[in-house]
């Protein structure tokens, strides 16, 4: 059997094991869920005001943005954290020493984070249907569109997690990346329509995938009347697909060479700070 196929199959098994460990680790699951849960509680308590230009409560309008935020934190930042942590504790070095080990490692880690992200999204979404009026869970088209947007959003953001994890020097520097992502939340229309922001902020928000991920989720989950609060007064599905697709191309173009460079630079000596067995 082809060595790469064997490595991919090993990666799939690794991903299944990592995903099972992630969803059964209460501490890790709570770590990814606490922020969206707090956001939903705040929106449920204070989100009764109508969205300007649309007959929809602000809380319901913000739910898709919270989902996009959760996907970015769990998927993109989670993948970056996993990669930098595994570099520091020697996991990546051990994968490098195994034939096909890097391929299996990458496949397993990406699949595990993708599955965990989808799980977190469902754990956030299902209670939202009961907490907020205005969401549309009963239509088949809702779930079809939701699945398509989530798949495209993950393709646009997960490779960026690999890029960040391969580019930053260590886990300590991920704090700065997290701060930048938090700043993007402000200008990406996550908690309030982006049309209420200044023009420059709208331009910045629309340059990154977080806004388009949220827009796609809003188009799937909210009634058509809610599009009146969006830029141009519509959902812009074609542009959403194009922008997310372009970010996916950028991520897939940058991730392999950066990851190969990172693997080549892993020293053969024992990892500093780790006891030698």
C-alpha atoms as a PDB file:
ATOM      1  CA  UNK A   1       0.000   0.000   0.000  1.00  0.00           C
ATOM      2  CA  UNK A   2       1.171   3.547  -0.773  1.00  0.00           C
ATOM      3  CA  UNK A   3       3.058   5.056   2.175  1.00  0.00           C
ATOM      4  CA  UNK A   4       1.089   8.306   2.024  1.00  0.00           C
ATOM      5  CA  UNK A   5      -2.216   6.409   2.112  1.00  0.00           C
ATOM      6  CA  UNK A   6      -1.000   4.525   5.171  1.00  0.00           C
ATOM      7  CA  UNK A   7      -0.023   7.812   6.815  1.00  0.00           C
ATOM      8  CA  UNK A   8      -3.413   9.371   6.064  1.00  0.00           C
ATOM      9  CA  UNK A   9      -5.241   6.351   7.465  1.00  0.00           C
ATOM     10  CA  UNK A  10      -3.101   6.555  10.583  1.00  0.00           C
ATOM     11  CA  UNK A  11      -3.943  10.258  10.786  1.00  0.00           C
ATOM     12  CA  UNK A  12      -7.665   9.527  10.602  1.00  0.00           C
ATOM     13  CA  UNK A  13      -7.311   7.070  13.488  1.00  0.00           C
ATOM     14  CA  UNK A  14      -5.286   9.643  15.405  1.00  0.00           C
ATOM     15  CA  UNK A  15      -7.952  12.265  14.756  1.00  0.00           C
ATOM     16  CA  UNK A  16     -10.673   9.960  16.068  1.00  0.00           C
ATOM     17  CA  UNK A  17      -8.717   9.308  19.246  1.00  0.00           C
ATOM     18  CA  UNK A  18      -7.929  13.001  19.800  1.00  0.00           C
ATOM     19  CA  UNK A  19     -11.521  14.010  19.161  1.00  0.00           C
ATOM     20  CA  UNK A  20     -12.844  11.408  21.610  1.00  0.00           C
ATOM     21  CA  UNK A  21     -10.373  12.578  24.211  1.00  0.00           C
ATOM     22  CA  UNK A  22     -11.344  16.214  23.603  1.00  0.00           C
ATOM     23  CA  UNK A  23     -15.103  15.753  23.968  1.00  0.00           C
ATOM     24  CA  UNK A  24     -14.734  13.559  27.042  1.00  0.00           C
ATOM     25  CA  UNK A  25     -12.335  15.961  28.753  1.00  0.00           C
ATOM     26  CA  UNK A  26     -14.741  18.191  30.666  1.00  0.00           C
ATOM     27  CA  UNK A  27     -12.092  20.813  31.380  1.00  0.00           C
ATOM     28  CA  UNK A  28     -11.112  21.198  27.722  1.00  0.00           C
ATOM     29  CA  UNK A  29     -14.733  21.264  26.551  1.00  0.00           C
ATOM     30  CA  UNK A  30     -15.645  23.914  29.117  1.00  0.00           C
ATOM     31  CA  UNK A  31     -12.620  25.897  28.015  1.00  0.00           C
ATOM     32  CA  UNK A  32     -14.013  26.157  24.493  1.00  0.00           C
ATOM     33  CA  UNK A  33     -17.630  26.638  25.564  1.00  0.00           C
ATOM     34  CA  UNK A  34     -17.467  29.224  28.325  1.00  0.00           C
ATOM     35  CA  UNK A  35     -17.074  32.274  26.090  1.00  0.00           C
ATOM     36  CA  UNK A  36     -20.003  31.534  23.702  1.00  0.00           C
ATOM     37  CA  UNK A  37     -22.177  30.463  26.647  1.00  0.00           C
ATOM     38  CA  UNK A  38     -21.504  33.735  28.462  1.00  0.00           C
ATOM     39  CA  UNK A  39     -22.231  35.625  25.232  1.00  0.00           C
ATOM     40  CA  UNK A  40     -25.559  33.812  24.801  1.00  0.00           C
ATOM     41  CA  UNK A  41     -26.582  34.519  28.399  1.00  0.00           C
ATOM     42  CA  UNK A  42     -25.802  38.214  28.017  1.00  0.00           C
ATOM     43  CA  UNK A  43     -27.654  38.389  24.702  1.00  0.00           C
ATOM     44  CA  UNK A  44     -30.640  36.565  26.191  1.00  0.00           C
ATOM     45  CA  UNK A  45     -30.830  39.036  29.083  1.00  0.00           C
ATOM     46  CA  UNK A  46     -30.065  42.262  27.231  1.00  0.00           C
ATOM     47  CA  UNK A  47     -30.756  41.463  23.573  1.00  0.00           C
ATOM     48  CA  UNK A  48     -34.467  42.311  23.297  1.00  0.00           C
ATOM     49  CA  UNK A  49     -33.942  45.600  21.438  1.00  0.00           C
ATOM     50  CA  UNK A  50     -34.771  45.369  17.724  1.00  0.00           C
ATOM     51  CA  UNK A  51     -32.017  45.445  15.117  1.00  0.00           C
ATOM     52  CA  UNK A  52     -32.071  48.774  13.240  1.00  0.00           C
ATOM     53  CA  UNK A  53     -33.677  48.237   9.859  1.00  0.00           C
ATOM     54  CA  UNK A  54     -34.945  44.722  10.596  1.00  0.00           C
ATOM     55  CA  UNK A  55     -37.843  43.374  12.666  1.00  0.00           C
ATOM     56  CA  UNK A  56     -35.637  41.035  14.688  1.00  0.00           C
ATOM     57  CA  UNK A  57     -34.303  41.076  18.275  1.00  0.00           C
ATOM     58  CA  UNK A  58     -30.644  41.892  18.612  1.00  0.00           C
ATOM     59  CA  UNK A  59     -30.049  38.663  20.538  1.00  0.00           C
ATOM     60  CA  UNK A  60     -31.268  36.448  17.696  1.00  0.00           C
ATOM     61  CA  UNK A  61     -29.325  38.493  15.158  1.00  0.00           C
ATOM     62  CA  UNK A  62     -26.099  37.982  17.126  1.00  0.00           C
ATOM     63  CA  UNK A  63     -26.362  34.191  17.499  1.00  0.00           C
ATOM     64  CA  UNK A  64     -24.760  33.413  14.106  1.00  0.00           C
ATOM     65  CA  UNK A  65     -21.910  35.773  14.962  1.00  0.00           C
ATOM     66  CA  UNK A  66     -21.370  33.955  18.243  1.00  0.00           C
ATOM     67  CA  UNK A  67     -21.214  30.698  16.293  1.00  0.00           C
ATOM     68  CA  UNK A  68     -18.605  32.146  13.922  1.00  0.00           C
ATOM     69  CA  UNK A  69     -16.627  33.391  16.914  1.00  0.00           C
ATOM     70  CA  UNK A  70     -16.766  29.918  18.486  1.00  0.00           C
ATOM     71  CA  UNK A  71     -15.556  28.303  15.264  1.00  0.00           C
ATOM     72  CA  UNK A  72     -12.623  30.693  14.993  1.00  0.00           C
ATOM     73  CA  UNK A  73     -11.568  30.219  18.610  1.00  0.00           C
ATOM     74  CA  UNK A  74     -12.033  26.438  18.712  1.00  0.00           C
ATOM     75  CA  UNK A  75     -10.803  25.704  15.203  1.00  0.00           C
ATOM     76  CA  UNK A  76      -8.282  28.344  14.175  1.00  0.00           C
ATOM     77  CA  UNK A  77      -6.809  29.249  17.564  1.00  0.00           C
ATOM     78  CA  UNK A  78      -7.259  25.723  18.897  1.00  0.00           C
ATOM     79  CA  UNK A  79      -5.287  24.302  15.997  1.00  0.00           C
ATOM     80  CA  UNK A  80      -2.587  26.950  16.372  1.00  0.00           C
ATOM     81  CA  UNK A  81      -2.343  26.183  20.101  1.00  0.00           C
ATOM     82  CA  UNK A  82      -2.140  22.438  19.471  1.00  0.00           C
ATOM     83  CA  UNK A  83       0.646  22.856  16.920  1.00  0.00           C
ATOM     84  CA  UNK A  84       2.756  25.201  19.049  1.00  0.00           C
ATOM     85  CA  UNK A  85       2.261  23.046  22.153  1.00  0.00           C
ATOM     86  CA  UNK A  86       3.280  19.908  20.256  1.00  0.00           C
ATOM     87  CA  UNK A  87       6.381  21.690  18.996  1.00  0.00           C
ATOM     88  CA  UNK A  88       7.394  22.590  22.533  1.00  0.00           C
ATOM     89  CA  UNK A  89       6.769  19.197  24.147  1.00  0.00           C
ATOM     90  CA  UNK A  90       8.489  17.184  21.397  1.00  0.00           C
ATOM     91  CA  UNK A  91       5.397  15.618  19.787  1.00  0.00           C
ATOM     92  CA  UNK A  92       6.202  17.130  16.392  1.00  0.00           C
ATOM     93  CA  UNK A  93       9.804  15.987  16.698  1.00  0.00           C
ATOM     94  CA  UNK A  94       8.690  12.416  17.339  1.00  0.00           C
ATOM     95  CA  UNK A  95       6.328  12.606  14.355  1.00  0.00           C
ATOM     96  CA  UNK A  96       9.224  13.774  12.201  1.00  0.00           C
ATOM     97  CA  UNK A  97      11.247  10.720  13.229  1.00  0.00           C
ATOM     98  CA  UNK A  98       8.488   8.332  12.067  1.00  0.00           C
ATOM     99  CA  UNK A  99       7.984   7.492   8.357  1.00  0.00           C
ATOM    100  CA  UNK A 100       4.880   9.396   7.282  1.00  0.00           C
ATOM    101  CA  UNK A 101       4.551  10.682  10.816  1.00  0.00           C
ATOM    102  CA  UNK A 102       4.173  14.364   9.934  1.00  0.00           C
ATOM    103  CA  UNK A 103       1.402  13.627   7.415  1.00  0.00           C
ATOM    104  CA  UNK A 104      -0.444  11.489   9.947  1.00  0.00           C
ATOM    105  CA  UNK A 105       0.049  14.114  12.646  1.00  0.00           C
ATOM    106  CA  UNK A 106      -1.334  16.943  10.508  1.00  0.00           C
ATOM    107  CA  UNK A 107      -4.305  14.895   9.239  1.00  0.00           C
ATOM    108  CA  UNK A 108      -5.183  13.729  12.737  1.00  0.00           C
ATOM    109  CA  UNK A 109      -4.836  17.120  14.402  1.00  0.00           C
ATOM    110  CA  UNK A 110      -6.834  18.969  11.730  1.00  0.00           C
ATOM    111  CA  UNK A 111      -9.622  16.374  11.680  1.00  0.00           C
ATOM    112  CA  UNK A 112      -9.837  16.331  15.473  1.00  0.00           C
ATOM    113  CA  UNK A 113     -10.119  20.129  15.664  1.00  0.00           C
ATOM    114  CA  UNK A 114     -12.652  20.231  12.831  1.00  0.00           C
ATOM    115  CA  UNK A 115     -14.844  17.633  14.549  1.00  0.00           C
ATOM    116  CA  UNK A 116     -14.482  19.385  17.907  1.00  0.00           C
ATOM    117  CA  UNK A 117     -15.429  22.705  16.316  1.00  0.00           C
ATOM    118  CA  UNK A 118     -18.594  21.229  14.804  1.00  0.00           C
ATOM    119  CA  UNK A 119     -19.464  19.691  18.184  1.00  0.00           C
ATOM    120  CA  UNK A 120     -19.018  23.038  19.947  1.00  0.00           C
ATOM    121  CA  UNK A 121     -21.162  24.754  17.303  1.00  0.00           C
ATOM    122  CA  UNK A 122     -23.985  22.267  17.852  1.00  0.00           C
ATOM    123  CA  UNK A 123     -23.733  22.612  21.637  1.00  0.00           C
ATOM    124  CA  UNK A 124     -24.094  26.380  21.222  1.00  0.00           C
ATOM    125  CA  UNK A 125     -26.690  26.342  18.449  1.00  0.00           C
ATOM    126  CA  UNK A 126     -29.285  23.898  19.816  1.00  0.00           C
ATOM    127  CA  UNK A 127     -29.980  25.834  23.064  1.00  0.00           C
ATOM    128  CA  UNK A 128     -30.129  29.046  21.019  1.00  0.00           C
ATOM    129  CA  UNK A 129     -33.237  27.795  19.231  1.00  0.00           C
ATOM    130  CA  UNK A 130     -35.029  27.750  22.595  1.00  0.00           C
ATOM    131  CA  UNK A 131     -33.555  30.994  23.942  1.00  0.00           C
ATOM    132  CA  UNK A 132     -34.099  33.326  20.976  1.00  0.00           C
ATOM    133  CA  UNK A 133     -37.117  34.028  18.799  1.00  0.00           C
ATOM    134  CA  UNK A 134     -36.440  34.621  15.133  1.00  0.00           C
ATOM    135  CA  UNK A 135     -34.149  31.702  14.332  1.00  0.00           C
ATOM    136  CA  UNK A 136     -35.420  29.250  11.725  1.00  0.00           C
ATOM    137  CA  UNK A 137     -34.494  25.673  12.722  1.00  0.00           C
ATOM    138  CA  UNK A 138     -37.462  23.889  11.121  1.00  0.00           C
ATOM    139  CA  UNK A 139     -36.539  24.296   7.448  1.00  0.00           C
ATOM    140  CA  UNK A 140     -34.525  21.688   5.579  1.00  0.00           C
ATOM    141  CA  UNK A 141     -32.900  24.505   3.621  1.00  0.00           C
ATOM    142  CA  UNK A 142     -31.635  25.938   6.920  1.00  0.00           C
ATOM    143  CA  UNK A 143     -29.634  22.823   7.732  1.00  0.00           C
ATOM    144  CA  UNK A 144     -28.365  22.383   4.165  1.00  0.00           C
ATOM    145  CA  UNK A 145     -27.184  25.989   4.006  1.00  0.00           C
ATOM    146  CA  UNK A 146     -25.768  25.758   7.521  1.00  0.00           C
ATOM    147  CA  UNK A 147     -23.731  22.662   6.648  1.00  0.00           C
ATOM    148  CA  UNK A 148     -22.382  24.328   3.505  1.00  0.00           C
ATOM    149  CA  UNK A 149     -21.410  27.532   5.297  1.00  0.00           C
ATOM    150  CA  UNK A 150     -19.737  25.677   8.168  1.00  0.00           C
ATOM    151  CA  UNK A 151     -17.763  23.495   5.751  1.00  0.00           C
ATOM    152  CA  UNK A 152     -16.602  26.507   3.744  1.00  0.00           C
ATOM    153  CA  UNK A 153     -15.863  28.491   6.895  1.00  0.00           C
ATOM    154  CA  UNK A 154     -13.711  25.694   8.298  1.00  0.00           C
ATOM    155  CA  UNK A 155     -11.840  25.414   4.997  1.00  0.00           C
ATOM    156  CA  UNK A 156     -11.154  29.148   5.206  1.00  0.00           C
ATOM    157  CA  UNK A 157     -10.045  29.233   8.851  1.00  0.00           C
ATOM    158  CA  UNK A 158      -8.431  25.897   9.787  1.00  0.00           C
ATOM    159  CA  UNK A 159      -5.468  26.283   7.392  1.00  0.00           C
ATOM    160  CA  UNK A 160      -4.872  29.707   8.944  1.00  0.00           C
ATOM    161  CA  UNK A 161      -4.568  27.947  12.305  1.00  0.00           C
ATOM    162  CA  UNK A 162      -1.774  25.810  10.828  1.00  0.00           C
ATOM    163  CA  UNK A 163      -0.138  28.951   9.393  1.00  0.00           C
ATOM    164  CA  UNK A 164      -0.234  30.722  12.769  1.00  0.00           C
ATOM    165  CA  UNK A 165       0.931  27.665  14.671  1.00  0.00           C
ATOM    166  CA  UNK A 166       3.846  27.182  12.281  1.00  0.00           C
ATOM    167  CA  UNK A 167       4.791  30.862  12.187  1.00  0.00           C
ATOM    168  CA  UNK A 168       4.702  31.922  15.854  1.00  0.00           C
ATOM    169  CA  UNK A 169       7.659  31.136  18.056  1.00  0.00           C
ATOM    170  CA  UNK A 170       5.741  29.497  20.926  1.00  0.00           C
ATOM    171  CA  UNK A 171       2.554  29.359  22.958  1.00  0.00           C
ATOM    172  CA  UNK A 172       3.454  32.560  24.813  1.00  0.00           C
ATOM    173  CA  UNK A 173       3.126  34.545  21.591  1.00  0.00           C
ATOM    174  CA  UNK A 174      -0.344  33.211  20.853  1.00  0.00           C
ATOM    175  CA  UNK A 175      -1.700  35.708  23.367  1.00  0.00           C
ATOM    176  CA  UNK A 176      -1.018  38.499  20.894  1.00  0.00           C
ATOM    177  CA  UNK A 177      -2.819  36.572  18.150  1.00  0.00           C
ATOM    178  CA  UNK A 178      -5.800  36.089  20.469  1.00  0.00           C
ATOM    179  CA  UNK A 179      -5.890  39.838  21.131  1.00  0.00           C
ATOM    180  CA  UNK A 180      -5.910  40.523  17.385  1.00  0.00           C
ATOM    181  CA  UNK A 181      -8.795  38.086  16.933  1.00  0.00           C
ATOM    182  CA  UNK A 182     -10.673  39.803  19.759  1.00  0.00           C
ATOM    183  CA  UNK A 183     -10.158  43.127  17.980  1.00  0.00           C
ATOM    184  CA  UNK A 184     -11.561  41.604  14.792  1.00  0.00           C
ATOM    185  CA  UNK A 185     -14.684  40.576  16.702  1.00  0.00           C
ATOM    186  CA  UNK A 186     -15.422  44.253  17.283  1.00  0.00           C
ATOM    187  CA  UNK A 187     -15.337  45.154  13.578  1.00  0.00           C
ATOM    188  CA  UNK A 188     -16.819  41.939  12.163  1.00  0.00           C
ATOM    189  CA  UNK A 189     -20.458  42.426  13.107  1.00  0.00           C
ATOM    190  CA  UNK A 190     -20.451  39.573  15.597  1.00  0.00           C
ATOM    191  CA  UNK A 191     -22.557  41.229  18.287  1.00  0.00           C
ATOM    192  CA  UNK A 192     -24.024  44.167  16.376  1.00  0.00           C
ATOM    193  CA  UNK A 193     -24.720  44.855  12.672  1.00  0.00           C
ATOM    194  CA  UNK A 194     -21.570  45.949  10.897  1.00  0.00           C
ATOM    195  CA  UNK A 195     -23.529  48.695   9.130  1.00  0.00           C
ATOM    196  CA  UNK A 196     -23.629  50.604  12.441  1.00  0.00           C
ATOM    197  CA  UNK A 197     -19.819  50.920  12.412  1.00  0.00           C
ATOM    198  CA  UNK A 198     -17.760  53.644  10.697  1.00  0.00           C
ATOM    199  CA  UNK A 199     -16.832  53.050   7.070  1.00  0.00           C
ATOM    200  CA  UNK A 200     -13.185  52.258   7.819  1.00  0.00           C
ATOM    201  CA  UNK A 201     -14.208  49.655  10.409  1.00  0.00           C
ATOM    202  CA  UNK A 202     -16.588  48.048   7.927  1.00  0.00           C
ATOM    203  CA  UNK A 203     -13.765  47.835   5.383  1.00  0.00           C
ATOM    204  CA  UNK A 204     -11.424  46.206   7.899  1.00  0.00           C
ATOM    205  CA  UNK A 205     -14.064  43.723   9.046  1.00  0.00           C
ATOM    206  CA  UNK A 206     -14.940  42.680   5.496  1.00  0.00           C
ATOM    207  CA  UNK A 207     -11.291  42.011   4.692  1.00  0.00           C
ATOM    208  CA  UNK A 208     -11.197  38.978   7.023  1.00  0.00           C
ATOM    209  CA  UNK A 209     -13.083  35.661   6.971  1.00  0.00           C
ATOM    210  CA  UNK A 210     -14.742  36.093  10.373  1.00  0.00           C
ATOM    211  CA  UNK A 211     -17.260  38.611   9.000  1.00  0.00           C
ATOM    212  CA  UNK A 212     -18.119  36.465   5.972  1.00  0.00           C
ATOM    213  CA  UNK A 213     -18.407  33.329   8.089  1.00  0.00           C
ATOM    214  CA  UNK A 214     -20.895  35.158  10.319  1.00  0.00           C
ATOM    215  CA  UNK A 215     -22.745  36.577   7.313  1.00  0.00           C
ATOM    216  CA  UNK A 216     -23.152  33.119   5.813  1.00  0.00           C
ATOM    217  CA  UNK A 217     -24.451  31.757   9.106  1.00  0.00           C
ATOM    218  CA  UNK A 218     -26.908  34.653   9.390  1.00  0.00           C
ATOM    219  CA  UNK A 219     -28.197  33.960   5.883  1.00  0.00           C
ATOM    220  CA  UNK A 220     -28.823  30.325   6.894  1.00  0.00           C
ATOM    221  CA  UNK A 221     -30.378  30.913  10.310  1.00  0.00           C
ATOM    222  CA  UNK A 222     -32.245  34.233  10.081  1.00  0.00           C
ATOM    223  CA  UNK A 223     -35.344  35.234   8.109  1.00  0.00           C
ATOM    224  CA  UNK A 224     -34.816  37.045   4.814  1.00  0.00           C
ATOM    225  CA  UNK A 225     -36.059  40.299   6.346  1.00  0.00           C
ATOM    226  CA  UNK A 226     -32.941  40.411   8.522  1.00  0.00           C
ATOM    227  CA  UNK A 227     -30.825  41.024   5.416  1.00  0.00           C
ATOM    228  CA  UNK A 228     -31.958  44.650   5.536  1.00  0.00           C
ATOM    229  CA  UNK A 229     -29.411  45.225   8.323  1.00  0.00           C
ATOM    230  CA  UNK A 230     -26.505  43.956   6.208  1.00  0.00           C
ATOM    231  CA  UNK A 231     -24.170  45.846   3.909  1.00  0.00           C
ATOM    232  CA  UNK A 232     -26.041  46.448   0.660  1.00  0.00           C
ATOM    233  CA  UNK A 233     -29.283  45.172   2.195  1.00  0.00           C
ATOM    234  CA  UNK A 234     -28.687  41.555   1.123  1.00  0.00           C
ATOM    235  CA  UNK A 235     -26.960  38.326   2.098  1.00  0.00           C
ATOM    236  CA  UNK A 236     -24.463  38.392  -0.813  1.00  0.00           C
ATOM    237  CA  UNK A 237     -24.081  34.579  -0.965  1.00  0.00           C
ATOM    238  CA  UNK A 238     -21.841  34.583  -4.037  1.00  0.00           C
ATOM    239  CA  UNK A 239     -19.430  37.084  -2.539  1.00  0.00           C
ATOM    240  CA  UNK A 240     -19.464  35.157   0.741  1.00  0.00           C
ATOM    241  CA  UNK A 241     -18.469  31.956  -1.056  1.00  0.00           C
ATOM    242  CA  UNK A 242     -15.803  33.760  -3.105  1.00  0.00           C
ATOM    243  CA  UNK A 243     -14.174  35.505  -0.132  1.00  0.00           C
ATOM    244  CA  UNK A 244     -14.162  32.398   2.059  1.00  0.00           C
ATOM    245  CA  UNK A 245     -12.879  30.399  -0.902  1.00  0.00           C
ATOM    246  CA  UNK A 246     -10.047  32.875  -1.461  1.00  0.00           C
ATOM    247  CA  UNK A 247      -9.055  32.672   2.197  1.00  0.00           C
ATOM    248  CA  UNK A 248      -9.082  28.872   1.912  1.00  0.00           C
ATOM    249  CA  UNK A 249      -6.750  29.100  -1.105  1.00  0.00           C
ATOM    250  CA  UNK A 250      -4.430  31.457   0.792  1.00  0.00           C
ATOM    251  CA  UNK A 251      -4.396  29.165   3.815  1.00  0.00           C
ATOM    252  CA  UNK A 252      -3.740  26.003   1.815  1.00  0.00           C
ATOM    253  CA  UNK A 253      -1.005  27.784  -0.148  1.00  0.00           C
ATOM    254  CA  UNK A 254       0.823  29.026   2.958  1.00  0.00           C
ATOM    255  CA  UNK A 255       0.301  26.157   5.410  1.00  0.00           C
ATOM    256  CA  UNK A 256       2.349  23.351   3.730  1.00  0.00           C
ATOM    257  CA  UNK A 257       5.594  25.311   3.147  1.00  0.00           C
ATOM    258  CA  UNK A 258       5.446  26.931   6.584  1.00  0.00           C
ATOM    259  CA  UNK A 259       4.797  23.578   8.222  1.00  0.00           C
ATOM    260  CA  UNK A 260       7.638  21.928   6.266  1.00  0.00           C
ATOM    261  CA  UNK A 261       9.979  24.716   7.354  1.00  0.00           C
ATOM    262  CA  UNK A 262       8.882  24.280  10.969  1.00  0.00           C
ATOM    263  CA  UNK A 263       9.456  20.529  10.831  1.00  0.00           C
ATOM    264  CA  UNK A 264      12.908  20.967   9.261  1.00  0.00           C
ATOM    265  CA  UNK A 265      13.894  23.398  12.013  1.00  0.00           C
ATOM    266  CA  UNK A 266      12.907  21.033  14.808  1.00  0.00           C
ATOM    267  CA  UNK A 267      16.196  20.123  16.514  1.00  0.00           C
ATOM    268  CA  UNK A 268      17.281  16.539  16.878  1.00  0.00           C
ATOM    269  CA  UNK A 269      18.505  17.236  20.405  1.00  0.00           C
ATOM    270  CA  UNK A 270      16.204  16.786  23.412  1.00  0.00           C
ATOM    271  CA  UNK A 271      13.594  19.477  23.782  1.00  0.00           C
ATOM    272  CA  UNK A 272      14.739  22.114  26.321  1.00  0.00           C
ATOM    273  CA  UNK A 273      13.059  21.792  29.676  1.00  0.00           C
ATOM    274  CA  UNK A 274      11.980  18.207  29.060  1.00  0.00           C
ATOM    275  CA  UNK A 275      13.638  15.441  31.066  1.00  0.00           C
ATOM    276  CA  UNK A 276      15.641  12.990  28.978  1.00  0.00           C
ATOM    277  CA  UNK A 277      14.484   9.399  29.361  1.00  0.00           C
END
